């Protein structure tokens, strides 16, 4: 059984593409393939024109950041979490850079706080900052607000739009929420049974396939 099958799509530089579809459509599996957390059995992904199999996985994940549904933070401080990714590449993240990242995600002055004391929304903000710490070109977001209450969800949505614009990021986001997709996306991609069903502006895709999500 193929979880993602015969799917060809070009994600435009600097856009937010939101992937929607029914449960089991292959949305999260697609993100894992884009980051080589899973290996495709055929086909490939090109990152800025380069076959991603020619890029060492560690370098690929520096250039393609990922934020998951639940913020899996390392024990310790917020600053320690932000330093982790760059340290894997032999880079020491300077304090001014940490401060700048925390300002971007609305956590200014909280670098020394223990992550154990954060709310769900705050933890997700740290997760976004940690993904940005390696200066990626692409950010993958796998239902980043689905575990949050309405207020925190609204805050993280606004955060995604802000950091995307500020950093010139290309974003691919999975969401089960069509209303959210319409608020955030430049384009929406509808998946069904592991395949691309439709892609285009929000109004066009939701009208055509929204009842399947």
N, C-alpha and C. Protein backbone atom coordinates (compact mmCIF):
# COMPACT_ATOMS: atom_id res chain seq x y z
N UNK A 1 0.84 -1.20 0.00
CA UNK A 1 0.00 0.00 0.00
C UNK A 1 0.88 1.25 0.00
N UNK A 2 0.61 2.17 -0.89
CA UNK A 2 1.36 3.42 -0.96
C UNK A 2 0.63 4.50 -0.19
N UNK A 3 1.32 5.10 0.78
CA UNK A 3 0.69 6.13 1.61
C UNK A 3 0.61 7.45 0.86
N UNK A 4 1.68 7.78 0.12
CA UNK A 4 1.69 8.94 -0.77
C UNK A 4 2.04 8.42 -2.15
N UNK A 5 1.17 8.67 -3.12
CA UNK A 5 1.30 8.00 -4.40
C UNK A 5 1.21 8.99 -5.56
N UNK A 6 2.23 8.97 -6.42
CA UNK A 6 2.18 9.71 -7.69
C UNK A 6 1.79 11.17 -7.49
N UNK A 7 2.50 11.81 -6.57
CA UNK A 7 2.18 13.20 -6.24
C UNK A 7 3.29 14.11 -6.75
N UNK A 8 2.94 15.05 -7.59
CA UNK A 8 3.88 16.03 -8.11
C UNK A 8 3.36 17.42 -7.81
N UNK A 9 4.14 18.22 -7.11
CA UNK A 9 3.71 19.57 -6.77
C UNK A 9 4.94 20.47 -6.65
N UNK A 10 4.79 21.70 -7.07
CA UNK A 10 5.84 22.70 -6.90
C UNK A 10 5.38 23.70 -5.84
N UNK A 11 6.18 23.85 -4.80
CA UNK A 11 5.89 24.84 -3.77
C UNK A 11 6.68 26.09 -4.11
N UNK A 12 6.00 27.19 -4.25
CA UNK A 12 6.64 28.42 -4.68
C UNK A 12 7.43 29.05 -3.55
N UNK A 13 8.55 29.63 -3.89
CA UNK A 13 9.39 30.29 -2.89
C UNK A 13 8.59 31.39 -2.20
N UNK A 14 8.63 31.40 -0.87
CA UNK A 14 8.00 32.45 -0.10
C UNK A 14 6.50 32.30 0.10
N UNK A 15 5.91 31.18 -0.30
CA UNK A 15 4.47 31.01 -0.12
C UNK A 15 4.17 30.13 1.08
N UNK A 16 2.91 30.20 1.54
CA UNK A 16 2.41 29.26 2.53
C UNK A 16 1.42 28.34 1.82
N UNK A 17 1.80 27.07 1.70
CA UNK A 17 0.94 26.06 1.12
C UNK A 17 0.37 25.23 2.27
N UNK A 18 -0.94 25.21 2.40
CA UNK A 18 -1.59 24.43 3.46
C UNK A 18 -2.19 23.17 2.84
N UNK A 19 -1.84 22.03 3.41
CA UNK A 19 -2.28 20.73 2.92
C UNK A 19 -3.46 20.25 3.77
N UNK A 20 -4.58 19.99 3.14
CA UNK A 20 -5.78 19.53 3.84
C UNK A 20 -6.24 18.21 3.23
N UNK A 21 -7.20 17.58 3.90
CA UNK A 21 -7.74 16.33 3.40
C UNK A 21 -8.24 15.49 4.55
N UNK A 22 -8.97 14.43 4.26
CA UNK A 22 -9.52 13.58 5.32
C UNK A 22 -8.42 12.83 6.06
N UNK A 23 -8.77 12.32 7.22
CA UNK A 23 -7.83 11.51 8.00
C UNK A 23 -7.36 10.33 7.16
N UNK A 24 -6.03 10.09 7.18
CA UNK A 24 -5.47 8.99 6.40
C UNK A 24 -5.16 9.33 4.96
N UNK A 25 -5.29 10.62 4.61
CA UNK A 25 -5.03 11.02 3.22
C UNK A 25 -3.55 11.05 2.88
N UNK A 26 -2.69 11.04 3.90
CA UNK A 26 -1.25 11.08 3.65
C UNK A 26 -0.60 12.42 3.90
N UNK A 27 -1.31 13.32 4.58
CA UNK A 27 -0.81 14.69 4.78
C UNK A 27 0.47 14.72 5.61
N UNK A 28 0.43 14.12 6.79
CA UNK A 28 1.62 14.12 7.65
C UNK A 28 2.74 13.27 7.05
N UNK A 29 2.37 12.20 6.35
CA UNK A 29 3.38 11.38 5.68
C UNK A 29 4.12 12.17 4.62
N UNK A 30 3.39 13.05 3.94
CA UNK A 30 4.03 13.91 2.94
C UNK A 30 5.08 14.79 3.59
N UNK A 31 4.77 15.39 4.75
CA UNK A 31 5.76 16.24 5.42
C UNK A 31 6.99 15.44 5.80
N UNK A 32 6.80 14.22 6.29
CA UNK A 32 7.94 13.38 6.68
C UNK A 32 8.80 13.04 5.47
N UNK A 33 8.20 12.87 4.32
CA UNK A 33 8.97 12.64 3.10
C UNK A 33 9.75 13.89 2.69
N UNK A 34 9.14 15.06 2.87
CA UNK A 34 9.81 16.30 2.49
C UNK A 34 11.07 16.54 3.32
N UNK A 35 11.09 16.02 4.55
CA UNK A 35 12.22 16.24 5.45
C UNK A 35 13.12 15.02 5.56
N UNK A 36 12.84 14.00 4.77
CA UNK A 36 13.57 12.72 4.78
C UNK A 36 13.54 12.04 6.14
N UNK A 37 12.50 12.29 6.91
CA UNK A 37 12.28 11.46 8.10
C UNK A 37 11.82 10.08 7.66
N UNK A 38 11.15 10.03 6.53
CA UNK A 38 10.86 8.78 5.82
C UNK A 38 11.47 8.89 4.42
N UNK A 39 11.91 7.76 3.89
CA UNK A 39 12.53 7.75 2.57
C UNK A 39 11.51 7.34 1.51
N UNK A 40 11.42 8.08 0.41
CA UNK A 40 10.51 7.66 -0.67
C UNK A 40 11.02 6.39 -1.34
N UNK A 41 10.10 5.51 -1.71
CA UNK A 41 10.49 4.29 -2.42
C UNK A 41 10.71 4.57 -3.91
N UNK A 42 10.17 5.68 -4.38
CA UNK A 42 10.42 6.13 -5.75
C UNK A 42 10.20 7.63 -5.79
N UNK A 43 10.71 8.25 -6.84
CA UNK A 43 10.59 9.70 -6.93
C UNK A 43 11.57 10.40 -6.01
N UNK A 44 11.49 11.72 -5.99
CA UNK A 44 12.40 12.49 -5.15
C UNK A 44 11.80 13.87 -4.87
N UNK A 45 12.52 14.63 -4.07
CA UNK A 45 12.17 16.01 -3.76
C UNK A 45 13.34 16.88 -4.16
N UNK A 46 13.05 18.01 -4.75
CA UNK A 46 14.10 18.97 -5.08
C UNK A 46 13.98 20.20 -4.20
N UNK A 47 15.08 20.55 -3.58
CA UNK A 47 15.15 21.73 -2.74
C UNK A 47 15.96 22.79 -3.47
N UNK A 48 15.30 23.85 -3.88
CA UNK A 48 15.94 24.91 -4.66
C UNK A 48 16.71 24.33 -5.84
N UNK A 49 16.09 23.34 -6.50
CA UNK A 49 16.65 22.75 -7.71
C UNK A 49 17.56 21.57 -7.50
N UNK A 50 17.94 21.26 -6.26
CA UNK A 50 18.86 20.16 -5.98
C UNK A 50 18.10 18.95 -5.45
N UNK A 51 18.38 17.78 -6.01
CA UNK A 51 17.80 16.54 -5.51
C UNK A 51 18.20 16.39 -4.05
N UNK A 52 17.21 16.24 -3.17
CA UNK A 52 17.56 16.27 -1.75
C UNK A 52 18.32 15.04 -1.29
N UNK A 53 18.42 14.01 -2.14
CA UNK A 53 19.26 12.86 -1.80
C UNK A 53 20.74 13.20 -1.93
N UNK A 54 21.04 14.32 -2.59
CA UNK A 54 22.43 14.78 -2.70
C UNK A 54 22.83 15.68 -1.53
N UNK A 55 21.88 15.96 -0.64
CA UNK A 55 22.15 16.82 0.51
C UNK A 55 22.22 15.95 1.76
N UNK A 56 23.31 15.98 2.53
CA UNK A 56 23.38 15.19 3.77
C UNK A 56 22.16 15.48 4.65
N UNK A 57 21.53 14.43 5.24
CA UNK A 57 20.32 14.63 6.02
C UNK A 57 20.44 15.72 7.08
N UNK A 58 21.57 15.82 7.73
CA UNK A 58 21.74 16.85 8.76
C UNK A 58 21.67 18.24 8.16
N UNK A 59 22.30 18.40 7.00
CA UNK A 59 22.24 19.71 6.33
C UNK A 59 20.84 19.99 5.81
N UNK A 60 20.17 18.94 5.32
CA UNK A 60 18.80 19.11 4.83
C UNK A 60 17.90 19.62 5.94
N UNK A 61 18.01 19.05 7.12
CA UNK A 61 17.12 19.42 8.22
C UNK A 61 17.48 20.77 8.83
N UNK A 62 18.69 21.24 8.54
CA UNK A 62 19.02 22.62 8.90
C UNK A 62 18.29 23.59 7.98
N UNK A 63 18.19 23.22 6.71
CA UNK A 63 17.55 24.09 5.71
C UNK A 63 16.03 23.93 5.66
N UNK A 64 15.55 22.78 6.16
CA UNK A 64 14.11 22.50 6.17
C UNK A 64 13.70 22.22 7.61
N UNK A 65 13.24 23.27 8.31
CA UNK A 65 12.85 23.12 9.70
C UNK A 65 11.47 22.49 9.82
N UNK A 66 11.17 21.96 11.01
CA UNK A 66 9.88 21.30 11.20
C UNK A 66 9.32 21.60 12.57
N UNK A 67 8.02 21.88 12.61
CA UNK A 67 7.28 22.09 13.86
C UNK A 67 6.16 21.07 13.87
N UNK A 68 6.09 20.28 14.95
CA UNK A 68 5.11 19.21 15.03
C UNK A 68 3.87 19.63 15.82
N UNK A 69 2.89 18.75 15.84
CA UNK A 69 1.62 19.03 16.52
C UNK A 69 1.84 19.30 18.00
N UNK A 70 2.69 18.50 18.64
CA UNK A 70 3.02 18.69 20.05
C UNK A 70 4.44 19.19 20.14
N UNK A 71 4.65 20.19 20.98
CA UNK A 71 5.99 20.77 21.13
C UNK A 71 6.85 19.86 22.01
N UNK A 72 7.68 19.06 21.39
CA UNK A 72 8.58 18.18 22.14
C UNK A 72 9.86 18.94 22.47
N UNK A 73 9.89 19.55 23.63
CA UNK A 73 11.04 20.35 24.04
C UNK A 73 11.97 19.53 24.91
N UNK A 74 13.25 19.87 24.85
CA UNK A 74 14.24 19.20 25.68
C UNK A 74 14.18 19.78 27.10
N UNK A 75 14.41 18.98 28.13
CA UNK A 75 14.43 19.51 29.50
C UNK A 75 15.48 20.61 29.62
N UNK A 76 15.16 21.63 30.39
CA UNK A 76 16.10 22.74 30.59
C UNK A 76 15.48 24.06 30.22
N UNK A 77 16.30 24.98 29.81
CA UNK A 77 15.84 26.34 29.54
C UNK A 77 15.37 26.52 28.10
N UNK A 78 14.68 27.62 27.91
CA UNK A 78 14.28 28.00 26.55
C UNK A 78 15.53 28.21 25.69
N UNK A 79 16.51 28.92 26.23
CA UNK A 79 17.74 29.17 25.47
C UNK A 79 18.44 27.88 25.09
N UNK A 80 18.45 26.91 26.00
CA UNK A 80 19.08 25.63 25.71
C UNK A 80 18.42 24.93 24.55
N UNK A 81 17.10 25.03 24.46
CA UNK A 81 16.37 24.44 23.35
C UNK A 81 16.73 25.12 22.03
N UNK A 82 16.86 26.43 22.04
CA UNK A 82 17.20 27.16 20.81
C UNK A 82 18.62 26.86 20.36
N UNK A 83 19.51 26.61 21.31
CA UNK A 83 20.92 26.37 20.96
C UNK A 83 21.13 24.98 20.36
N UNK A 84 20.20 24.06 20.62
CA UNK A 84 20.44 22.66 20.29
C UNK A 84 20.73 22.45 18.80
N UNK A 85 19.85 22.96 17.93
CA UNK A 85 20.04 22.73 16.49
C UNK A 85 21.35 23.27 15.96
N UNK A 86 21.66 24.55 16.21
CA UNK A 86 22.93 25.07 15.73
C UNK A 86 24.14 24.31 16.28
N UNK A 87 24.05 23.82 17.52
CA UNK A 87 25.17 23.07 18.10
C UNK A 87 25.46 21.80 17.32
N UNK A 88 24.43 21.21 16.69
CA UNK A 88 24.64 20.00 15.90
C UNK A 88 25.48 20.28 14.65
N UNK A 89 25.60 21.55 14.31
CA UNK A 89 26.41 21.97 13.16
C UNK A 89 27.67 22.71 13.59
N UNK A 90 28.00 22.60 14.89
CA UNK A 90 29.19 23.25 15.40
C UNK A 90 29.07 24.75 15.53
N UNK A 91 27.85 25.25 15.62
CA UNK A 91 27.61 26.69 15.70
C UNK A 91 27.09 27.04 17.09
N UNK A 92 27.72 28.01 17.72
CA UNK A 92 27.25 28.48 19.02
C UNK A 92 26.33 29.68 18.79
N UNK A 93 25.10 29.55 19.21
CA UNK A 93 24.11 30.59 18.99
C UNK A 93 24.34 31.74 19.99
N UNK A 94 24.68 32.93 19.49
CA UNK A 94 24.98 34.05 20.41
C UNK A 94 23.72 34.52 21.14
N UNK A 95 23.91 35.07 22.30
CA UNK A 95 22.77 35.56 23.09
C UNK A 95 21.93 36.59 22.34
N UNK A 96 22.53 37.53 21.60
CA UNK A 96 21.69 38.48 20.86
C UNK A 96 20.78 37.79 19.84
N UNK A 97 21.25 36.69 19.23
CA UNK A 97 20.42 35.95 18.29
C UNK A 97 19.27 35.26 19.01
N UNK A 98 19.56 34.68 20.17
CA UNK A 98 18.51 34.07 20.98
C UNK A 98 17.47 35.12 21.36
N UNK A 99 17.94 36.27 21.80
CA UNK A 99 17.02 37.35 22.17
C UNK A 99 16.15 37.76 20.98
N UNK A 100 16.76 37.86 19.81
CA UNK A 100 16.03 38.25 18.60
C UNK A 100 14.96 37.22 18.24
N UNK A 101 15.30 35.93 18.34
CA UNK A 101 14.34 34.88 18.04
C UNK A 101 13.16 34.91 19.01
N UNK A 102 13.47 35.16 20.29
CA UNK A 102 12.40 35.18 21.28
C UNK A 102 11.50 36.41 21.12
N UNK A 103 12.08 37.50 20.66
CA UNK A 103 11.25 38.67 20.34
C UNK A 103 10.29 38.33 19.21
N UNK A 104 10.79 37.63 18.19
CA UNK A 104 9.95 37.25 17.06
C UNK A 104 8.74 36.42 17.47
N UNK A 105 8.94 35.53 18.44
CA UNK A 105 7.85 34.62 18.83
C UNK A 105 7.10 35.09 20.07
N UNK A 106 7.35 36.33 20.49
CA UNK A 106 6.59 36.89 21.60
C UNK A 106 7.00 36.41 22.97
N UNK A 107 8.25 36.01 23.12
CA UNK A 107 8.76 35.53 24.42
C UNK A 107 10.00 36.30 24.84
N UNK A 108 9.99 37.58 24.58
CA UNK A 108 11.17 38.41 24.88
C UNK A 108 11.53 38.34 26.36
N UNK A 109 12.84 38.21 26.61
CA UNK A 109 13.36 38.25 27.97
C UNK A 109 13.18 36.97 28.76
N UNK A 110 12.79 35.89 28.09
CA UNK A 110 12.48 34.66 28.84
C UNK A 110 13.45 33.52 28.53
N UNK A 111 14.64 33.86 28.02
CA UNK A 111 15.61 32.85 27.60
C UNK A 111 15.97 31.88 28.71
N UNK A 112 16.07 32.37 29.95
CA UNK A 112 16.52 31.54 31.06
C UNK A 112 15.43 30.73 31.73
N UNK A 113 14.18 30.83 31.26
CA UNK A 113 13.07 30.11 31.88
C UNK A 113 13.14 28.62 31.58
N UNK A 114 12.73 27.83 32.58
CA UNK A 114 12.64 26.38 32.39
C UNK A 114 11.40 26.06 31.55
N UNK A 115 11.56 25.22 30.54
CA UNK A 115 10.45 24.91 29.64
C UNK A 115 9.33 24.15 30.35
N UNK A 116 9.64 23.55 31.49
CA UNK A 116 8.62 22.81 32.24
C UNK A 116 7.50 23.71 32.72
N UNK A 117 7.74 25.01 32.79
CA UNK A 117 6.75 25.94 33.31
C UNK A 117 5.93 26.63 32.22
N UNK A 118 6.10 26.22 30.97
CA UNK A 118 5.42 26.89 29.87
C UNK A 118 4.03 26.32 29.62
N UNK A 119 3.12 27.17 29.18
CA UNK A 119 1.82 26.71 28.72
C UNK A 119 1.98 26.04 27.35
N UNK A 120 0.90 25.40 26.88
CA UNK A 120 0.98 24.75 25.57
C UNK A 120 1.29 25.72 24.45
N UNK A 121 0.65 26.89 24.48
CA UNK A 121 0.91 27.89 23.44
C UNK A 121 2.32 28.43 23.50
N UNK A 122 2.83 28.64 24.72
CA UNK A 122 4.21 29.13 24.87
C UNK A 122 5.21 28.09 24.40
N UNK A 123 4.94 26.83 24.73
CA UNK A 123 5.84 25.75 24.29
C UNK A 123 5.89 25.67 22.76
N UNK A 124 4.74 25.87 22.11
CA UNK A 124 4.72 25.83 20.65
C UNK A 124 5.49 27.02 20.07
N UNK A 125 5.44 28.16 20.74
CA UNK A 125 6.23 29.31 20.31
C UNK A 125 7.73 29.01 20.39
N UNK A 126 8.13 28.32 21.46
CA UNK A 126 9.54 27.92 21.58
C UNK A 126 9.89 26.94 20.47
N UNK A 127 8.98 26.05 20.14
CA UNK A 127 9.21 25.09 19.06
C UNK A 127 9.45 25.80 17.73
N UNK A 128 8.66 26.86 17.48
CA UNK A 128 8.85 27.64 16.26
C UNK A 128 10.21 28.35 16.28
N UNK A 129 10.55 28.96 17.42
CA UNK A 129 11.84 29.65 17.55
C UNK A 129 13.00 28.68 17.36
N UNK A 130 12.86 27.47 17.90
CA UNK A 130 13.92 26.46 17.75
C UNK A 130 14.09 26.08 16.29
N UNK A 131 12.97 25.97 15.56
CA UNK A 131 13.05 25.66 14.13
C UNK A 131 13.73 26.78 13.36
N UNK A 132 13.50 28.02 13.79
CA UNK A 132 14.10 29.17 13.11
C UNK A 132 15.57 29.36 13.44
N UNK A 133 16.03 28.73 14.51
CA UNK A 133 17.39 28.97 14.99
C UNK A 133 18.47 28.52 14.01
N UNK A 134 18.13 27.61 13.11
CA UNK A 134 19.11 27.15 12.11
C UNK A 134 18.99 27.92 10.80
N UNK A 135 18.18 28.99 10.78
CA UNK A 135 17.97 29.83 9.60
C UNK A 135 17.52 29.01 8.39
N UNK A 136 16.41 28.29 8.51
CA UNK A 136 15.95 27.45 7.40
C UNK A 136 15.38 28.28 6.26
N UNK A 137 15.35 27.67 5.09
CA UNK A 137 14.68 28.29 3.94
C UNK A 137 13.22 27.86 3.88
N UNK A 138 12.95 26.67 4.42
CA UNK A 138 11.62 26.08 4.38
C UNK A 138 11.21 25.68 5.79
N UNK A 139 9.94 25.91 6.13
CA UNK A 139 9.41 25.49 7.42
C UNK A 139 8.21 24.59 7.19
N UNK A 140 8.28 23.38 7.75
CA UNK A 140 7.19 22.42 7.69
C UNK A 140 6.44 22.47 9.02
N UNK A 141 5.12 22.52 8.95
CA UNK A 141 4.31 22.63 10.16
C UNK A 141 3.21 21.57 10.12
N UNK A 142 3.27 20.62 11.05
CA UNK A 142 2.31 19.52 11.06
C UNK A 142 1.24 19.77 12.12
N UNK A 143 0.12 20.35 11.70
CA UNK A 143 -1.00 20.69 12.59
C UNK A 143 -0.50 21.36 13.87
N UNK A 144 0.20 22.48 13.75
CA UNK A 144 0.86 23.09 14.91
C UNK A 144 -0.08 23.69 15.95
N UNK A 145 -1.37 23.83 15.62
CA UNK A 145 -2.30 24.43 16.58
C UNK A 145 -3.38 23.47 17.06
N UNK A 146 -3.36 22.22 16.60
CA UNK A 146 -4.49 21.32 16.88
C UNK A 146 -4.60 20.94 18.36
N UNK A 147 -3.50 21.04 19.12
CA UNK A 147 -3.55 20.67 20.53
C UNK A 147 -3.76 21.89 21.44
N UNK A 148 -4.04 23.06 20.85
CA UNK A 148 -4.12 24.30 21.62
C UNK A 148 -5.56 24.76 21.79
N UNK A 149 -5.79 25.55 22.85
CA UNK A 149 -7.11 26.15 23.01
C UNK A 149 -7.26 27.31 22.03
N UNK A 150 -8.46 27.88 21.95
CA UNK A 150 -8.76 28.87 20.92
C UNK A 150 -7.84 30.08 20.98
N UNK A 151 -7.56 30.57 22.19
CA UNK A 151 -6.72 31.76 22.32
C UNK A 151 -5.29 31.48 21.88
N UNK A 152 -4.75 30.35 22.34
CA UNK A 152 -3.38 29.99 21.96
C UNK A 152 -3.29 29.70 20.46
N UNK A 153 -4.33 29.07 19.92
CA UNK A 153 -4.37 28.77 18.48
C UNK A 153 -4.29 30.06 17.68
N UNK A 154 -5.08 31.04 18.06
CA UNK A 154 -5.08 32.33 17.36
C UNK A 154 -3.69 32.96 17.42
N UNK A 155 -3.06 32.88 18.60
CA UNK A 155 -1.73 33.47 18.77
C UNK A 155 -0.69 32.79 17.90
N UNK A 156 -0.74 31.47 17.81
CA UNK A 156 0.25 30.74 17.01
C UNK A 156 0.01 30.96 15.52
N UNK A 157 -1.26 31.05 15.11
CA UNK A 157 -1.55 31.38 13.71
C UNK A 157 -0.91 32.71 13.33
N UNK A 158 -1.13 33.72 14.15
CA UNK A 158 -0.56 35.05 13.88
C UNK A 158 0.97 34.99 13.88
N UNK A 159 1.52 34.18 14.79
CA UNK A 159 2.97 34.01 14.86
C UNK A 159 3.51 33.42 13.56
N UNK A 160 2.84 32.39 13.05
CA UNK A 160 3.30 31.76 11.80
C UNK A 160 3.35 32.77 10.67
N UNK A 161 2.30 33.57 10.55
CA UNK A 161 2.25 34.58 9.49
C UNK A 161 3.35 35.62 9.66
N UNK A 162 3.61 36.00 10.92
CA UNK A 162 4.63 37.02 11.19
C UNK A 162 6.03 36.53 10.87
N UNK A 163 6.37 35.33 11.38
CA UNK A 163 7.74 34.83 11.17
C UNK A 163 7.95 34.45 9.70
N UNK A 164 6.89 33.99 9.04
CA UNK A 164 7.02 33.66 7.62
C UNK A 164 7.38 34.90 6.82
N UNK A 165 6.69 35.99 7.10
CA UNK A 165 6.95 37.23 6.38
C UNK A 165 8.31 37.81 6.76
N UNK A 166 8.61 37.81 8.06
CA UNK A 166 9.86 38.42 8.55
C UNK A 166 11.09 37.69 7.99
N UNK A 167 11.01 36.36 7.88
CA UNK A 167 12.17 35.57 7.46
C UNK A 167 12.12 35.15 6.00
N UNK A 168 11.07 35.54 5.28
CA UNK A 168 10.96 35.15 3.88
C UNK A 168 10.88 33.66 3.67
N UNK A 169 10.19 32.96 4.58
CA UNK A 169 10.16 31.50 4.56
C UNK A 169 9.16 30.97 3.55
N UNK A 170 9.48 29.80 3.03
CA UNK A 170 8.52 28.99 2.31
C UNK A 170 7.95 28.00 3.32
N UNK A 171 6.62 27.94 3.45
CA UNK A 171 6.00 27.10 4.47
C UNK A 171 5.06 26.08 3.83
N UNK A 172 5.14 24.85 4.33
CA UNK A 172 4.17 23.82 4.00
C UNK A 172 3.55 23.38 5.32
N UNK A 173 2.25 23.59 5.44
CA UNK A 173 1.56 23.34 6.70
C UNK A 173 0.42 22.36 6.50
N UNK A 174 0.32 21.38 7.37
CA UNK A 174 -0.80 20.45 7.38
C UNK A 174 -1.83 20.97 8.38
N UNK A 175 -3.09 20.96 7.97
CA UNK A 175 -4.18 21.37 8.87
C UNK A 175 -5.43 20.57 8.56
N UNK A 176 -6.20 20.26 9.61
CA UNK A 176 -7.51 19.62 9.41
C UNK A 176 -8.62 20.67 9.43
N UNK A 177 -8.25 21.92 9.65
CA UNK A 177 -9.19 23.02 9.85
C UNK A 177 -9.26 23.87 8.58
N UNK A 178 -10.32 23.73 7.81
CA UNK A 178 -10.43 24.45 6.56
C UNK A 178 -10.53 25.96 6.76
N UNK A 179 -11.18 26.38 7.85
CA UNK A 179 -11.27 27.81 8.13
C UNK A 179 -9.89 28.38 8.40
N UNK A 180 -9.09 27.65 9.15
CA UNK A 180 -7.71 28.07 9.42
C UNK A 180 -6.91 28.11 8.12
N UNK A 181 -7.06 27.08 7.30
CA UNK A 181 -6.34 27.03 6.04
C UNK A 181 -6.66 28.26 5.18
N UNK A 182 -7.93 28.64 5.15
CA UNK A 182 -8.33 29.80 4.36
C UNK A 182 -7.72 31.09 4.89
N UNK A 183 -7.54 31.16 6.22
CA UNK A 183 -6.95 32.36 6.83
C UNK A 183 -5.46 32.48 6.53
N UNK A 184 -4.78 31.36 6.45
CA UNK A 184 -3.31 31.36 6.42
C UNK A 184 -2.74 31.18 5.02
N UNK A 185 -3.38 30.36 4.21
CA UNK A 185 -2.73 29.87 2.99
C UNK A 185 -2.69 30.88 1.86
N UNK A 186 -1.59 30.84 1.11
CA UNK A 186 -1.56 31.44 -0.23
C UNK A 186 -2.24 30.50 -1.21
N UNK A 187 -1.97 29.20 -1.03
CA UNK A 187 -2.67 28.17 -1.80
C UNK A 187 -3.00 27.01 -0.86
N UNK A 188 -4.03 26.26 -1.21
CA UNK A 188 -4.42 25.06 -0.48
C UNK A 188 -4.29 23.86 -1.39
N UNK A 189 -3.75 22.77 -0.83
CA UNK A 189 -3.64 21.52 -1.56
C UNK A 189 -4.52 20.48 -0.87
N UNK A 190 -5.45 19.91 -1.60
CA UNK A 190 -6.32 18.87 -1.08
C UNK A 190 -5.78 17.51 -1.48
N UNK A 191 -5.56 16.65 -0.46
CA UNK A 191 -5.11 15.28 -0.71
C UNK A 191 -6.25 14.30 -0.41
N UNK A 192 -6.34 13.26 -1.22
CA UNK A 192 -7.27 12.16 -0.99
C UNK A 192 -6.56 10.86 -1.34
N UNK A 193 -6.60 9.91 -0.41
CA UNK A 193 -6.01 8.58 -0.66
C UNK A 193 -4.56 8.66 -1.12
N UNK A 194 -3.81 9.57 -0.51
CA UNK A 194 -2.39 9.68 -0.81
C UNK A 194 -2.05 10.42 -2.08
N UNK A 195 -3.05 10.94 -2.75
CA UNK A 195 -2.83 11.61 -4.03
C UNK A 195 -3.25 13.08 -3.97
N UNK A 196 -2.66 13.85 -4.84
CA UNK A 196 -3.08 15.24 -5.01
C UNK A 196 -4.42 15.26 -5.72
N UNK A 197 -5.43 15.84 -5.06
CA UNK A 197 -6.75 15.93 -5.67
C UNK A 197 -6.97 17.28 -6.31
N UNK A 198 -6.55 18.35 -5.63
CA UNK A 198 -6.74 19.69 -6.16
C UNK A 198 -5.78 20.63 -5.46
N UNK A 199 -5.34 21.66 -6.16
CA UNK A 199 -4.48 22.68 -5.58
C UNK A 199 -4.83 24.02 -6.20
N UNK A 200 -4.86 25.06 -5.36
CA UNK A 200 -5.20 26.38 -5.88
C UNK A 200 -5.58 27.32 -4.76
N UNK A 201 -6.19 28.45 -5.10
CA UNK A 201 -6.62 29.41 -4.09
C UNK A 201 -7.63 28.78 -3.13
N UNK A 202 -7.70 29.33 -1.92
CA UNK A 202 -8.54 28.75 -0.88
C UNK A 202 -9.99 28.59 -1.32
N UNK A 203 -10.58 29.63 -1.88
CA UNK A 203 -11.99 29.59 -2.23
C UNK A 203 -12.28 28.49 -3.25
N UNK A 204 -11.37 28.31 -4.17
CA UNK A 204 -11.56 27.30 -5.23
C UNK A 204 -11.48 25.88 -4.67
N UNK A 205 -10.47 25.63 -3.83
CA UNK A 205 -10.25 24.27 -3.33
C UNK A 205 -11.29 23.90 -2.29
N UNK A 206 -11.60 24.82 -1.39
CA UNK A 206 -12.59 24.52 -0.35
C UNK A 206 -13.95 24.26 -0.96
N UNK A 207 -14.31 25.04 -1.95
CA UNK A 207 -15.60 24.85 -2.63
C UNK A 207 -15.67 23.49 -3.30
N UNK A 208 -14.54 23.07 -3.88
CA UNK A 208 -14.52 21.81 -4.64
C UNK A 208 -14.43 20.58 -3.76
N UNK A 209 -13.65 20.71 -2.64
CA UNK A 209 -13.39 19.47 -1.89
C UNK A 209 -13.52 19.59 -0.39
N UNK A 210 -14.07 20.68 0.10
CA UNK A 210 -14.12 20.89 1.54
C UNK A 210 -14.92 19.85 2.28
N UNK A 211 -15.91 19.25 1.63
CA UNK A 211 -16.74 18.26 2.32
C UNK A 211 -15.98 16.97 2.60
N UNK A 212 -14.78 16.83 1.99
CA UNK A 212 -13.99 15.60 2.19
C UNK A 212 -13.05 15.71 3.36
N UNK A 213 -12.94 16.90 3.96
CA UNK A 213 -11.95 17.10 5.02
C UNK A 213 -12.52 16.80 6.40
